[in-house]
Amino acid sequence: SGSIHYPRSTPEMWPDLIWKAKQGGLDVIQTYVFWNGHEP
């Protein structure tokens, strides 16, 4: 698995980051859920 935190990149970056993670041999993407971003 590998941590990729969605607010620390942009939606336009996500597909490329996820693809590179898969090419790197990952099975799982791990992320936190950021309360203060979701319920300001």
Full PDB file with SEQRES, HELIX, SHEET, SSBOND, CRYST1, ORIGX, SCALE, CONECT and MASTER records, all heavy atoms in Angstrom:
SEQRES   1 A   40  SER GLY SER ILE HIS TYR PRO ARG SER THR PRO GLU MET          
SEQRES   2 A   40  TRP PRO ASP LEU ILE TRP LYS ALA LYS GLN GLY GLY LEU          
SEQRES   3 A   40  ASP VAL ILE GLN THR TYR VAL PHE TRP ASN GLY HIS GLU          
SEQRES   4 A   40  PRO                                                          
HELIX    1 AA1 TYR A    6  ARG A    8  5                                   3    
HELIX    2 AA2 TRP A   14  GLN A   23  1                                  10    
HELIX    3 AA3 TRP A   35  HIS A   38  1                                   4    
SHEET    1 AA1 2 GLY A   2  SER A   3  0                                        
SHEET    2 AA1 2 ILE A  29  GLN A  30  1                                        
CRYST1    1.000    1.000    1.000  90.00  90.00  90.00 P 1           1          
ORIGX1      1.000000  0.000000  0.000000        0.00000                         
ORIGX2      0.000000  1.000000  0.000000        0.00000                         
ORIGX3      0.000000  0.000000  1.000000        0.00000                         
SCALE1      1.000000  0.000000  0.000000        0.00000                         
SCALE2      0.000000  1.000000  0.000000        0.00000                         
SCALE3      0.000000  0.000000  1.000000        0.00000                         
ATOM      1  N   SER A   1       0.832  -1.197   0.000  1.00  0.00           N  
ATOM      2  CA  SER A   1       0.000   0.000   0.000  1.00  0.00           C  
ATOM      3  C   SER A   1       0.871   1.253   0.000  1.00  0.00           C  
ATOM      4  O   SER A   1       2.055   1.208   0.357  1.00  0.00           O  
ATOM      5  CB  SER A   1      -0.912  -0.021   1.240  1.00  0.00           C  
ATOM      6  OG  SER A   1      -1.645   1.169   1.383  1.00  0.00           O  
ATOM      7  N   GLY A   2       0.263   2.369  -0.385  1.00  0.00           N  
ATOM      8  CA  GLY A   2       0.976   3.641  -0.352  1.00  0.00           C  
ATOM      9  C   GLY A   2       0.042   4.784  -0.032  1.00  0.00           C  
ATOM     10  O   GLY A   2      -1.097   4.827  -0.509  1.00  0.00           O  
ATOM     11  N   SER A   3       0.497   5.723   0.789  1.00  0.00           N  
ATOM     12  CA  SER A   3      -0.324   6.873   1.173  1.00  0.00           C  
ATOM     13  C   SER A   3      -0.253   7.961   0.105  1.00  0.00           C  
ATOM     14  O   SER A   3       0.837   8.416  -0.272  1.00  0.00           O  
ATOM     15  CB  SER A   3       0.143   7.447   2.508  1.00  0.00           C  
ATOM     16  OG  SER A   3      -0.189   6.582   3.575  1.00  0.00           O  
ATOM     17  N   ILE A   4      -1.420   8.365  -0.369  1.00  0.00           N  
ATOM     18  CA  ILE A   4      -1.593   9.537  -1.228  1.00  0.00           C  
ATOM     19  C   ILE A   4      -2.764  10.312  -0.642  1.00  0.00           C  
ATOM     20  O   ILE A   4      -3.881   9.808  -0.610  1.00  0.00           O  
ATOM     21  CB  ILE A   4      -1.884   9.148  -2.693  1.00  0.00           C  
ATOM     22  CG1 ILE A   4      -0.731   8.324  -3.284  1.00  0.00           C  
ATOM     23  CG2 ILE A   4      -2.138  10.396  -3.535  1.00  0.00           C  
ATOM     24  CD1 ILE A   4      -1.005   7.818  -4.698  1.00  0.00           C  
ATOM     25  N   HIS A   5      -2.514  11.513  -0.163  1.00  0.00           N  
ATOM     26  CA  HIS A   5      -3.556  12.308   0.484  1.00  0.00           C  
ATOM     27  C   HIS A   5      -4.198  13.232  -0.549  1.00  0.00           C  
ATOM     28  O   HIS A   5      -3.532  14.120  -1.083  1.00  0.00           O  
ATOM     29  CB  HIS A   5      -2.979  13.131   1.629  1.00  0.00           C  
ATOM     30  CG  HIS A   5      -2.474  12.305   2.764  1.00  0.00           C  
ATOM     31  ND1 HIS A   5      -1.587  12.792   3.711  1.00  0.00           N  
ATOM     32  CD2 HIS A   5      -2.726  11.014   3.121  1.00  0.00           C  
ATOM     33  CE1 HIS A   5      -1.331  11.839   4.599  1.00  0.00           C  
ATOM     34  NE2 HIS A   5      -2.010  10.751   4.255  1.00  0.00           N  
ATOM     35  N   TYR A   6      -5.479  13.026  -0.791  1.00  0.00           N  
ATOM     36  CA  TYR A   6      -6.158  13.743  -1.872  1.00  0.00           C  
ATOM     37  C   TYR A   6      -6.073  15.267  -1.772  1.00  0.00           C  
ATOM     38  O   TYR A   6      -5.922  15.939  -2.801  1.00  0.00           O  
ATOM     39  CB  TYR A   6      -7.625  13.269  -1.985  1.00  0.00           C  
ATOM     40  CG  TYR A   6      -8.431  13.301  -0.711  1.00  0.00           C  
ATOM     41  CD1 TYR A   6      -9.288  14.349  -0.428  1.00  0.00           C  
ATOM     42  CD2 TYR A   6      -8.338  12.263   0.223  1.00  0.00           C  
ATOM     43  CE1 TYR A   6     -10.031  14.375   0.750  1.00  0.00           C  
ATOM     44  CE2 TYR A   6      -9.077  12.288   1.396  1.00  0.00           C  
ATOM     45  CZ  TYR A   6      -9.918  13.349   1.659  1.00  0.00           C  
ATOM     46  OH  TYR A   6     -10.643  13.385   2.815  1.00  0.00           O  
ATOM     47  N   PRO A   7      -6.114  15.917  -0.574  1.00  0.00           N  
ATOM     48  CA  PRO A   7      -6.035  17.387  -0.583  1.00  0.00           C  
ATOM     49  C   PRO A   7      -4.625  17.921  -0.849  1.00  0.00           C  
ATOM     50  O   PRO A   7      -4.461  19.124  -1.058  1.00  0.00           O  
ATOM     51  CB  PRO A   7      -6.499  17.788   0.817  1.00  0.00           C  
ATOM     52  CG  PRO A   7      -7.034  16.554   1.460  1.00  0.00           C  
ATOM     53  CD  PRO A   7      -6.346  15.421   0.793  1.00  0.00           C  
ATOM     54  N   ARG A   8      -3.626  17.039  -0.821  1.00  0.00           N  
ATOM     55  CA  ARG A   8      -2.244  17.494  -1.020  1.00  0.00           C  
ATOM     56  C   ARG A   8      -1.827  17.435  -2.490  1.00  0.00           C  
ATOM     57  O   ARG A   8      -0.637  17.602  -2.804  1.00  0.00           O  
ATOM     58  CB  ARG A   8      -1.309  16.660  -0.135  1.00  0.00           C  
ATOM     59  CG  ARG A   8      -1.379  17.108   1.327  1.00  0.00           C  
ATOM     60  CD  ARG A   8      -0.554  16.265   2.266  1.00  0.00           C  
ATOM     61  NE  ARG A   8      -0.234  17.014   3.484  1.00  0.00           N  
ATOM     62  CZ  ARG A   8      -0.161  16.500   4.697  1.00  0.00           C  
ATOM     63  NH1 ARG A   8      -0.406  15.210   4.897  1.00  0.00           N  
ATOM     64  NH2 ARG A   8       0.152  17.246   5.742  1.00  0.00           N  
ATOM     65  N   SER A   9      -2.795  17.185  -3.351  1.00  0.00           N  
ATOM     66  CA  SER A   9      -2.597  17.285  -4.788  1.00  0.00           C  
ATOM     67  C   SER A   9      -3.906  17.786  -5.371  1.00  0.00           C  
ATOM     68  O   SER A   9      -4.836  18.096  -4.632  1.00  0.00           O  
ATOM     69  CB  SER A   9      -2.181  15.928  -5.379  1.00  0.00           C  
ATOM     70  OG  SER A   9      -3.076  14.905  -4.985  1.00  0.00           O  
ATOM     71  N   THR A  10      -4.012  17.856  -6.676  1.00  0.00           N  
ATOM     72  CA  THR A  10      -5.239  18.336  -7.315  1.00  0.00           C  
ATOM     73  C   THR A  10      -5.936  17.175  -8.011  1.00  0.00           C  
ATOM     74  O   THR A  10      -5.300  16.183  -8.376  1.00  0.00           O  
ATOM     75  CB  THR A  10      -4.919  19.429  -8.344  1.00  0.00           C  
ATOM     76  OG1 THR A  10      -4.133  18.855  -9.403  1.00  0.00           O  
ATOM     77  CG2 THR A  10      -4.151  20.580  -7.702  1.00  0.00           C  
ATOM     78  N   PRO A  11      -7.248  17.291  -8.218  1.00  0.00           N  
ATOM     79  CA  PRO A  11      -7.962  16.219  -8.926  1.00  0.00           C  
ATOM     80  C   PRO A  11      -7.360  15.893 -10.284  1.00  0.00           C  
ATOM     81  O   PRO A  11      -7.394  14.734 -10.723  1.00  0.00           O  
ATOM     82  CB  PRO A  11      -9.384  16.779  -9.060  1.00  0.00           C  
ATOM     83  CG  PRO A  11      -9.532  17.713  -7.904  1.00  0.00           C  
ATOM     84  CD  PRO A  11      -8.179  18.342  -7.730  1.00  0.00           C  
ATOM     85  N   GLU A  12      -6.790  16.910 -10.932  1.00  0.00           N  
ATOM     86  CA  GLU A  12      -6.172  16.672 -12.240  1.00  0.00           C  
ATOM     87  C   GLU A  12      -4.902  15.831 -12.113  1.00  0.00           C  
ATOM     88  O   GLU A  12      -4.502  15.162 -13.069  1.00  0.00           O  
ATOM     89  CB  GLU A  12      -5.858  18.012 -12.907  1.00  0.00           C  
ATOM     90  CG  GLU A  12      -7.089  18.808 -13.323  1.00  0.00           C  
ATOM     91  CD  GLU A  12      -7.812  19.486 -12.160  1.00  0.00           C  
ATOM     92  OE1 GLU A  12      -7.229  19.564 -11.046  1.00  0.00           O  
ATOM     93  OE2 GLU A  12      -8.954  19.937 -12.361  1.00  0.00           O  
ATOM     94  N   MET A  13      -4.257  15.850 -10.948  1.00  0.00           N  
ATOM     95  CA  MET A  13      -3.053  15.051 -10.719  1.00  0.00           C  
ATOM     96  C   MET A  13      -3.375  13.618 -10.308  1.00  0.00           C  
ATOM     97  O   MET A  13      -2.542  12.722 -10.462  1.00  0.00           O  
ATOM     98  CB  MET A  13      -2.184  15.701  -9.626  1.00  0.00           C  
ATOM     99  CG  MET A  13      -1.592  17.048  -9.979  1.00  0.00           C  
ATOM    100  SD  MET A  13      -0.779  17.827  -8.545  1.00  0.00           S  
ATOM    101  CE  MET A  13       0.594  16.688  -8.250  1.00  0.00           C  
ATOM    102  N   TRP A  14      -4.566  13.403  -9.743  1.00  0.00           N  
ATOM    103  CA  TRP A  14      -4.877  12.107  -9.141  1.00  0.00           C  
ATOM    104  C   TRP A  14      -4.699  10.919 -10.087  1.00  0.00           C  
ATOM    105  O   TRP A  14      -4.063   9.928  -9.698  1.00  0.00           O  
ATOM    106  CB  TRP A  14      -6.295  12.114  -8.563  1.00  0.00           C  
ATOM    107  CG  TRP A  14      -6.495  13.035  -7.407  1.00  0.00           C  
ATOM    108  CD1 TRP A  14      -5.512  13.622  -6.632  1.00  0.00           C  
ATOM    109  CD2 TRP A  14      -7.742  13.511  -6.885  1.00  0.00           C  
ATOM    110  NE1 TRP A  14      -6.077  14.421  -5.670  1.00  0.00           N  
ATOM    111  CE2 TRP A  14      -7.439  14.376  -5.792  1.00  0.00           C  
ATOM    112  CE3 TRP A  14      -9.065  13.291  -7.218  1.00  0.00           C  
ATOM    113  CZ2 TRP A  14      -8.428  15.003  -5.054  1.00  0.00           C  
ATOM    114  CZ3 TRP A  14     -10.066  13.920  -6.481  1.00  0.00           C  
ATOM    115  CH2 TRP A  14      -9.747  14.764  -5.408  1.00  0.00           C  
ATOM    116  N   PRO A  15      -5.241  10.943 -11.317  1.00  0.00           N  
ATOM    117  CA  PRO A  15      -5.107   9.747 -12.170  1.00  0.00           C  
ATOM    118  C   PRO A  15      -3.648   9.356 -12.421  1.00  0.00           C  
ATOM    119  O   PRO A  15      -3.307   8.172 -12.391  1.00  0.00           O  
ATOM    120  CB  PRO A  15      -5.817  10.154 -13.473  1.00  0.00           C  
ATOM    121  CG  PRO A  15      -6.794  11.206 -13.053  1.00  0.00           C  
ATOM    122  CD  PRO A  15      -6.094  11.972 -11.962  1.00  0.00           C  
ATOM    123  N   ASP A  16      -2.788  10.344 -12.651  1.00  0.00           N  
ATOM    124  CA  ASP A  16      -1.382  10.054 -12.917  1.00  0.00           C  
ATOM    125  C   ASP A  16      -0.687   9.498 -11.678  1.00  0.00           C  
ATOM    126  O   ASP A  16       0.099   8.543 -11.766  1.00  0.00           O  
ATOM    127  CB  ASP A  16      -0.672  11.326 -13.389  1.00  0.00           C  
ATOM    128  CG  ASP A  16       0.789  11.076 -13.750  1.00  0.00           C  
ATOM    129  OD1 ASP A  16       1.038  10.322 -14.713  1.00  0.00           O  
ATOM    130  OD2 ASP A  16       1.673  11.623 -13.051  1.00  0.00           O  
ATOM    131  N   LEU A  17      -0.976  10.076 -10.518  1.00  0.00           N  
ATOM    132  CA  LEU A  17      -0.379   9.581  -9.272  1.00  0.00           C  
ATOM    133  C   LEU A  17      -0.802   8.136  -9.011  1.00  0.00           C  
ATOM    134  O   LEU A  17       0.024   7.284  -8.643  1.00  0.00           O  
ATOM    135  CB  LEU A  17      -0.785  10.465  -8.096  1.00  0.00           C  
ATOM    136  CG  LEU A  17      -0.306  11.913  -8.118  1.00  0.00           C  
ATOM    137  CD1 LEU A  17      -0.935  12.700  -6.971  1.00  0.00           C  
ATOM    138  CD2 LEU A  17       1.223  11.989  -8.022  1.00  0.00           C  
ATOM    139  N   ILE A  18      -2.089   7.859  -9.198  1.00  0.00           N  
ATOM    140  CA  ILE A  18      -2.611   6.507  -8.945  1.00  0.00           C  
ATOM    141  C   ILE A  18      -2.023   5.517  -9.940  1.00  0.00           C  
ATOM    142  O   ILE A  18      -1.637   4.393  -9.576  1.00  0.00           O  
ATOM    143  CB  ILE A  18      -4.155   6.530  -9.009  1.00  0.00           C  
ATOM    144  CG1 ILE A  18      -4.716   7.368  -7.849  1.00  0.00           C  
ATOM    145  CG2 ILE A  18      -4.722   5.116  -8.957  1.00  0.00           C  
ATOM    146  CD1 ILE A  18      -6.180   7.742  -8.017  1.00  0.00           C  
ATOM    147  N   TRP A  19      -1.920   5.912 -11.196  1.00  0.00           N  
ATOM    148  CA  TRP A  19      -1.344   5.028 -12.224  1.00  0.00           C  
ATOM    149  C   TRP A  19       0.114   4.709 -11.903  1.00  0.00           C  
ATOM    150  O   TRP A  19       0.543   3.547 -12.010  1.00  0.00           O  
ATOM    151  CB  TRP A  19      -1.458   5.696 -13.593  1.00  0.00           C  
ATOM    152  CG  TRP A  19      -0.936   4.836 -14.712  1.00  0.00           C  
ATOM    153  CD1 TRP A  19      -1.573   3.832 -15.367  1.00  0.00           C  
ATOM    154  CD2 TRP A  19       0.374   4.911 -15.303  1.00  0.00           C  
ATOM    155  NE1 TRP A  19      -0.759   3.265 -16.327  1.00  0.00           N  
ATOM    156  CE2 TRP A  19       0.445   3.920 -16.304  1.00  0.00           C  
ATOM    157  CE3 TRP A  19       1.487   5.721 -15.084  1.00  0.00           C  
ATOM    158  CZ2 TRP A  19       1.586   3.712 -17.094  1.00  0.00           C  
ATOM    159  CZ3 TRP A  19       2.621   5.515 -15.859  1.00  0.00           C  
ATOM    160  CH2 TRP A  19       2.662   4.531 -16.840  1.00  0.00           C  
ATOM    161  N   LYS A  20       0.881   5.729 -11.502  1.00  0.00           N  
ATOM    162  CA  LYS A  20       2.291   5.501 -11.164  1.00  0.00           C  
ATOM    163  C   LYS A  20       2.420   4.613  -9.931  1.00  0.00           C  
ATOM    164  O   LYS A  20       3.361   3.822  -9.831  1.00  0.00           O  
ATOM    165  CB  LYS A  20       3.006   6.831 -10.949  1.00  0.00           C  
ATOM    166  CG  LYS A  20       3.260   7.587 -12.255  1.00  0.00           C  
ATOM    167  CD  LYS A  20       3.826   8.977 -12.005  1.00  0.00           C  
ATOM    168  CE  LYS A  20       4.121   9.690 -13.304  1.00  0.00           C  
ATOM    169  NZ  LYS A  20       4.526  11.114 -13.100  1.00  0.00           N  
ATOM    170  N   ALA A  21       1.475   4.750  -9.000  1.00  0.00           N  
ATOM    171  CA  ALA A  21       1.480   3.876  -7.826  1.00  0.00           C  
ATOM    172  C   ALA A  21       1.228   2.433  -8.244  1.00  0.00           C  
ATOM    173  O   ALA A  21       1.878   1.503  -7.748  1.00  0.00           O  
ATOM    174  CB  ALA A  21       0.429   4.341  -6.823  1.00  0.00           C  
ATOM    175  N   LYS A  22       0.288   2.237  -9.152  1.00  0.00           N  
ATOM    176  CA  LYS A  22      -0.002   0.878  -9.620  1.00  0.00           C  
ATOM    177  C   LYS A  22       1.193   0.302 -10.370  1.00  0.00           C  
ATOM    178  O   LYS A  22       1.565  -0.865 -10.169  1.00  0.00           O  
ATOM    179  CB  LYS A  22      -1.241   0.876 -10.511  1.00  0.00           C  
ATOM    180  CG  LYS A  22      -1.654  -0.521 -10.956  1.00  0.00           C  
ATOM    181  CD  LYS A  22      -2.964  -0.524 -11.709  1.00  0.00           C  
ATOM    182  CE  LYS A  22      -3.386  -1.954 -12.059  1.00  0.00           C  
ATOM    183  NZ  LYS A  22      -4.686  -1.988 -12.768  1.00  0.00           N  
ATOM    184  N   GLN A  23       1.806   1.112 -11.224  1.00  0.00           N  
ATOM    185  CA  GLN A  23       2.990   0.642 -11.950  1.00  0.00           C  
ATOM    186  C   GLN A  23       4.140   0.337 -10.993  1.00  0.00           C  
ATOM    187  O   GLN A  23       5.010  -0.477 -11.295  1.00  0.00           O  
ATOM    188  CB  GLN A  23       3.426   1.694 -12.971  1.00  0.00           C  
ATOM    189  CG  GLN A  23       2.419   1.940 -14.081  1.00  0.00           C  
ATOM    190  CD  GLN A  23       2.083   0.682 -14.848  1.00  0.00           C  
ATOM    191  OE1 GLN A  23       2.965  -0.003 -15.369  1.00  0.00           O  
ATOM    192  NE2 GLN A  23       0.804   0.344 -14.915  1.00  0.00           N  
ATOM    193  N   GLY A  24       4.125   0.986  -9.836  1.00  0.00           N  
ATOM    194  CA  GLY A  24       5.149   0.730  -8.830  1.00  0.00           C  
ATOM    195  C   GLY A  24       4.888  -0.511  -7.997  1.00  0.00           C  
ATOM    196  O   GLY A  24       5.651  -0.802  -7.070  1.00  0.00           O  
ATOM    197  N   GLY A  25       3.827  -1.234  -8.316  1.00  0.00           N  
ATOM    198  CA  GLY A  25       3.562  -2.502  -7.643  1.00  0.00           C  
ATOM    199  C   GLY A  25       2.640  -2.418  -6.451  1.00  0.00           C  
ATOM    200  O   GLY A  25       2.567  -3.363  -5.655  1.00  0.00           O  
ATOM    201  N   LEU A  26       1.890  -1.304  -6.305  1.00  0.00           N  
ATOM    202  CA  LEU A  26       0.986  -1.181  -5.167  1.00  0.00           C  
ATOM    203  C   LEU A  26      -0.348  -1.878  -5.439  1.00  0.00           C  
ATOM    204  O   LEU A  26      -0.811  -1.947  -6.573  1.00  0.00           O  
ATOM    205  CB  LEU A  26       0.728   0.296  -4.854  1.00  0.00           C  
ATOM    206  CG  LEU A  26       1.652   0.931  -3.792  1.00  0.00           C  
ATOM    207  CD1 LEU A  26       3.113   0.798  -4.185  1.00  0.00           C  
ATOM    208  CD2 LEU A  26       1.295   2.398  -3.587  1.00  0.00           C  
ATOM    209  N   ASP A  27      -0.924  -2.414  -4.371  1.00  0.00           N  
ATOM    210  CA  ASP A  27      -2.267  -2.997  -4.400  1.00  0.00           C  
ATOM    211  C   ASP A  27      -3.304  -2.051  -3.810  1.00  0.00           C  
ATOM    212  O   ASP A  27      -4.498  -2.158  -4.116  1.00  0.00           O  
ATOM    213  CB  ASP A  27      -2.315  -4.288  -3.560  1.00  0.00           C  
ATOM    214  CG  ASP A  27      -1.248  -5.287  -3.946  1.00  0.00           C  
ATOM    215  OD1 ASP A  27      -1.296  -5.790  -5.071  1.00  0.00           O  
ATOM    216  OD2 ASP A  27      -0.368  -5.551  -3.100  1.00  0.00           O  
ATOM    217  N   VAL A  28      -2.853  -1.172  -2.920  1.00  0.00           N  
ATOM    218  CA  VAL A  28      -3.762  -0.377  -2.084  1.00  0.00           C  
ATOM    219  C   VAL A  28      -3.292   1.073  -2.067  1.00  0.00           C  
ATOM    220  O   VAL A  28      -2.091   1.344  -2.032  1.00  0.00           O  
ATOM    221  CB  VAL A  28      -3.790  -0.908  -0.626  1.00  0.00           C  
ATOM    222  CG1 VAL A  28      -4.797  -0.136   0.224  1.00  0.00           C  
ATOM    223  CG2 VAL A  28      -4.068  -2.401  -0.576  1.00  0.00           C  
ATOM    224  N   ILE A  29      -4.243   2.017  -2.093  1.00  0.00           N  
ATOM    225  CA  ILE A  29      -3.961   3.422  -1.805  1.00  0.00           C  
ATOM    226  C   ILE A  29      -4.570   3.733  -0.438  1.00  0.00           C  
ATOM    227  O   ILE A  29      -5.740   3.452  -0.182  1.00  0.00           O  
ATOM    228  CB  ILE A  29      -4.561   4.362  -2.865  1.00  0.00           C  
ATOM    229  CG1 ILE A  29      -3.981   4.039  -4.252  1.00  0.00           C  
ATOM    230  CG2 ILE A  29      -4.301   5.820  -2.487  1.00  0.00           C  
ATOM    231  CD1 ILE A  29      -2.489   4.229  -4.379  1.00  0.00           C  
ATOM    232  N   GLN A  30      -3.764   4.324   0.414  1.00  0.00           N  
ATOM    233  CA  GLN A  30      -4.213   4.677   1.762  1.00  0.00           C  
ATOM    234  C   GLN A  30      -4.321   6.189   1.879  1.00  0.00           C  
ATOM    235  O   GLN A  30      -3.443   6.912   1.412  1.00  0.00           O  
ATOM    236  CB  GLN A  30      -3.217   4.150   2.789  1.00  0.00           C  
ATOM    237  CG  GLN A  30      -3.528   4.536   4.237  1.00  0.00           C  
ATOM    238  CD  GLN A  30      -2.542   3.930   5.211  1.00  0.00           C  
ATOM    239  OE1 GLN A  30      -2.577   2.744   5.494  1.00  0.00           O  
ATOM    240  NE2 GLN A  30      -1.630   4.749   5.718  1.00  0.00           N  
ATOM    241  N   THR A  31      -5.405   6.667   2.472  1.00  0.00           N  
ATOM    242  CA  THR A  31      -5.523   8.103   2.722  1.00  0.00           C  
ATOM    243  C   THR A  31      -6.237   8.347   4.033  1.00  0.00           C  
ATOM    244  O   THR A  31      -7.080   7.557   4.464  1.00  0.00           O  
ATOM    245  CB  THR A  31      -6.273   8.824   1.590  1.00  0.00           C  
ATOM    246  OG1 THR A  31      -6.249  10.244   1.843  1.00  0.00           O  
ATOM    247  CG2 THR A  31      -7.723   8.369   1.473  1.00  0.00           C  
ATOM    248  N   TYR A  32      -5.872   9.451   4.665  1.00  0.00           N  
ATOM    249  CA  TYR A  32      -6.659   9.976   5.769  1.00  0.00           C  
ATOM    250  C   TYR A  32      -7.905  10.658   5.209  1.00  0.00           C  
ATOM    251  O   TYR A  32      -7.997  10.979   4.017  1.00  0.00           O  
ATOM    252  CB  TYR A  32      -5.864  11.024   6.547  1.00  0.00           C  
ATOM    253  CG  TYR A  32      -4.806  10.490   7.478  1.00  0.00           C  
ATOM    254  CD1 TYR A  32      -3.477  10.912   7.374  1.00  0.00           C  
ATOM    255  CD2 TYR A  32      -5.127   9.604   8.490  1.00  0.00           C  
ATOM    256  CE1 TYR A  32      -2.499  10.456   8.254  1.00  0.00           C  
ATOM    257  CE2 TYR A  32      -4.157   9.135   9.379  1.00  0.00           C  
ATOM    258  CZ  TYR A  32      -2.854   9.561   9.248  1.00  0.00           C  
ATOM    259  OH  TYR A  32      -1.903   9.115  10.119  1.00  0.00           O  
ATOM    260  N   VAL A  33      -8.865  10.937   6.095  1.00  0.00           N  
ATOM    261  CA  VAL A  33     -10.013  11.787   5.803  1.00  0.00           C  
ATOM    262  C   VAL A  33      -9.850  13.048   6.650  1.00  0.00           C  
ATOM    263  O   VAL A  33      -9.672  12.957   7.868  1.00  0.00           O  
ATOM    264  CB  VAL A  33     -11.344  11.074   6.120  1.00  0.00           C  
ATOM    265  CG1 VAL A  33     -12.520  12.005   5.841  1.00  0.00           C  
ATOM    266  CG2 VAL A  33     -11.468   9.794   5.292  1.00  0.00           C  
ATOM    267  N   PHE A  34      -9.907  14.219   6.001  1.00  0.00           N  
ATOM    268  CA  PHE A  34      -9.513  15.468   6.657  1.00  0.00           C  
ATOM    269  C   PHE A  34     -10.755  16.246   7.106  1.00  0.00           C  
ATOM    270  O   PHE A  34     -11.375  16.981   6.333  1.00  0.00           O  
ATOM    271  CB  PHE A  34      -8.640  16.284   5.707  1.00  0.00           C  
ATOM    272  CG  PHE A  34      -7.348  15.583   5.376  1.00  0.00           C  
ATOM    273  CD1 PHE A  34      -7.284  14.664   4.337  1.00  0.00           C  
ATOM    274  CD2 PHE A  34      -6.211  15.809   6.131  1.00  0.00           C  
ATOM    275  CE1 PHE A  34      -6.107  13.996   4.049  1.00  0.00           C  
ATOM    276  CE2 PHE A  34      -5.026  15.149   5.848  1.00  0.00           C  
ATOM    277  CZ  PHE A  34      -4.972  14.238   4.804  1.00  0.00           C  
ATOM    278  N   TRP A  35     -11.079  16.069   8.380  1.00  0.00           N  
ATOM    279  CA  TRP A  35     -12.312  16.616   8.952  1.00  0.00           C  
ATOM    280  C   TRP A  35     -12.407  18.124   8.742  1.00  0.00           C  
ATOM    281  O   TRP A  35     -13.445  18.643   8.317  1.00  0.00           O  
ATOM    282  CB  TRP A  35     -12.369  16.249  10.434  1.00  0.00           C  
ATOM    283  CG  TRP A  35     -13.652  16.578  11.148  1.00  0.00           C  
ATOM    284  CD1 TRP A  35     -14.770  17.190  10.646  1.00  0.00           C  
ATOM    285  CD2 TRP A  35     -13.947  16.285  12.524  1.00  0.00           C  
ATOM    286  NE1 TRP A  35     -15.744  17.294  11.621  1.00  0.00           N  
ATOM    287  CE2 TRP A  35     -15.266  16.749  12.779  1.00  0.00           C  
ATOM    288  CE3 TRP A  35     -13.235  15.676  13.556  1.00  0.00           C  
ATOM    289  CZ2 TRP A  35     -15.868  16.631  14.035  1.00  0.00           C  
ATOM    290  CZ3 TRP A  35     -13.839  15.550  14.808  1.00  0.00           C  
ATOM    291  CH2 TRP A  35     -15.137  16.023  15.035  1.00  0.00           C  
ATOM    292  N   ASN A  36     -11.334  18.860   9.044  1.00  0.00           N  
ATOM    293  CA  ASN A  36     -11.434  20.325   8.960  1.00  0.00           C  
ATOM    294  C   ASN A  36     -11.609  20.815   7.530  1.00  0.00           C  
ATOM    295  O   ASN A  36     -12.137  21.905   7.306  1.00  0.00           O  
ATOM    296  CB  ASN A  36     -10.247  21.025   9.644  1.00  0.00           C  
ATOM    297  CG  ASN A  36      -8.900  20.507   9.185  1.00  0.00           C  
ATOM    298  OD1 ASN A  36      -8.788  19.792   8.195  1.00  0.00           O  
ATOM    299  ND2 ASN A  36      -7.857  20.857   9.920  1.00  0.00           N  
ATOM    300  N   GLY A  37     -11.177  20.013   6.551  1.00  0.00           N  
ATOM    301  CA  GLY A  37     -11.436  20.376   5.167  1.00  0.00           C  
ATOM    302  C   GLY A  37     -12.860  20.102   4.750  1.00  0.00           C  
ATOM    303  O   GLY A  37     -13.419  20.798   3.891  1.00  0.00           O  
ATOM    304  N   HIS A  38     -13.471  19.087   5.367  1.00  0.00           N  
ATOM    305  CA  HIS A  38     -14.811  18.660   4.974  1.00  0.00           C  
ATOM    306  C   HIS A  38     -15.927  19.340   5.777  1.00  0.00           C  
ATOM    307  O   HIS A  38     -17.062  19.400   5.315  1.00  0.00           O  
ATOM    308  CB  HIS A  38     -14.954  17.142   5.128  1.00  0.00           C  
ATOM    309  CG  HIS A  38     -14.143  16.367   4.146  1.00  0.00           C  
ATOM    310  ND1 HIS A  38     -14.267  16.522   2.791  1.00  0.00           N  
ATOM    311  CD2 HIS A  38     -13.182  15.412   4.326  1.00  0.00           C  
ATOM    312  CE1 HIS A  38     -13.426  15.694   2.172  1.00  0.00           C  
ATOM    313  NE2 HIS A  38     -12.757  15.032   3.079  1.00  0.00           N  
ATOM    314  N   GLU A  39     -15.620  19.807   6.988  1.00  0.00           N  
ATOM    315  CA  GLU A  39     -16.645  20.475   7.802  1.00  0.00           C  
ATOM    316  C   GLU A  39     -16.050  21.751   8.400  1.00  0.00           C  
ATOM    317  O   GLU A  39     -15.800  21.842   9.600  1.00  0.00           O  
ATOM    318  CB  GLU A  39     -17.168  19.544   8.907  1.00  0.00           C  
ATOM    319  CG  GLU A  39     -18.443  20.046   9.557  1.00  0.00           C  
ATOM    320  CD  GLU A  39     -18.984  19.107  10.633  1.00  0.00           C  
ATOM    321  OE1 GLU A  39     -18.338  18.064  10.915  1.00  0.00           O  
ATOM    322  OE2 GLU A  39     -20.042  19.416  11.202  1.00  0.00           O  
ATOM    323  N   PRO A  40     -15.814  22.760   7.547  1.00  0.00           N  
ATOM    324  CA  PRO A  40     -15.149  23.980   8.026  1.00  0.00           C  
ATOM    325  C   PRO A  40     -15.953  24.739   9.070  1.00  0.00           C  
ATOM    326  O   PRO A  40     -15.382  25.478   9.871  1.00  0.00           O  
ATOM    327  CB  PRO A  40     -14.962  24.805   6.743  1.00  0.00           C  
ATOM    328  CG  PRO A  40     -15.944  24.242   5.769  1.00  0.00           C  
ATOM    329  CD  PRO A  40     -16.097  22.801   6.106  1.00  0.00           C  
TER     330      PRO A  40                                                      
MASTER        0    0    0    3    2    0    0    6  329    1    0    4          
END                                                                             
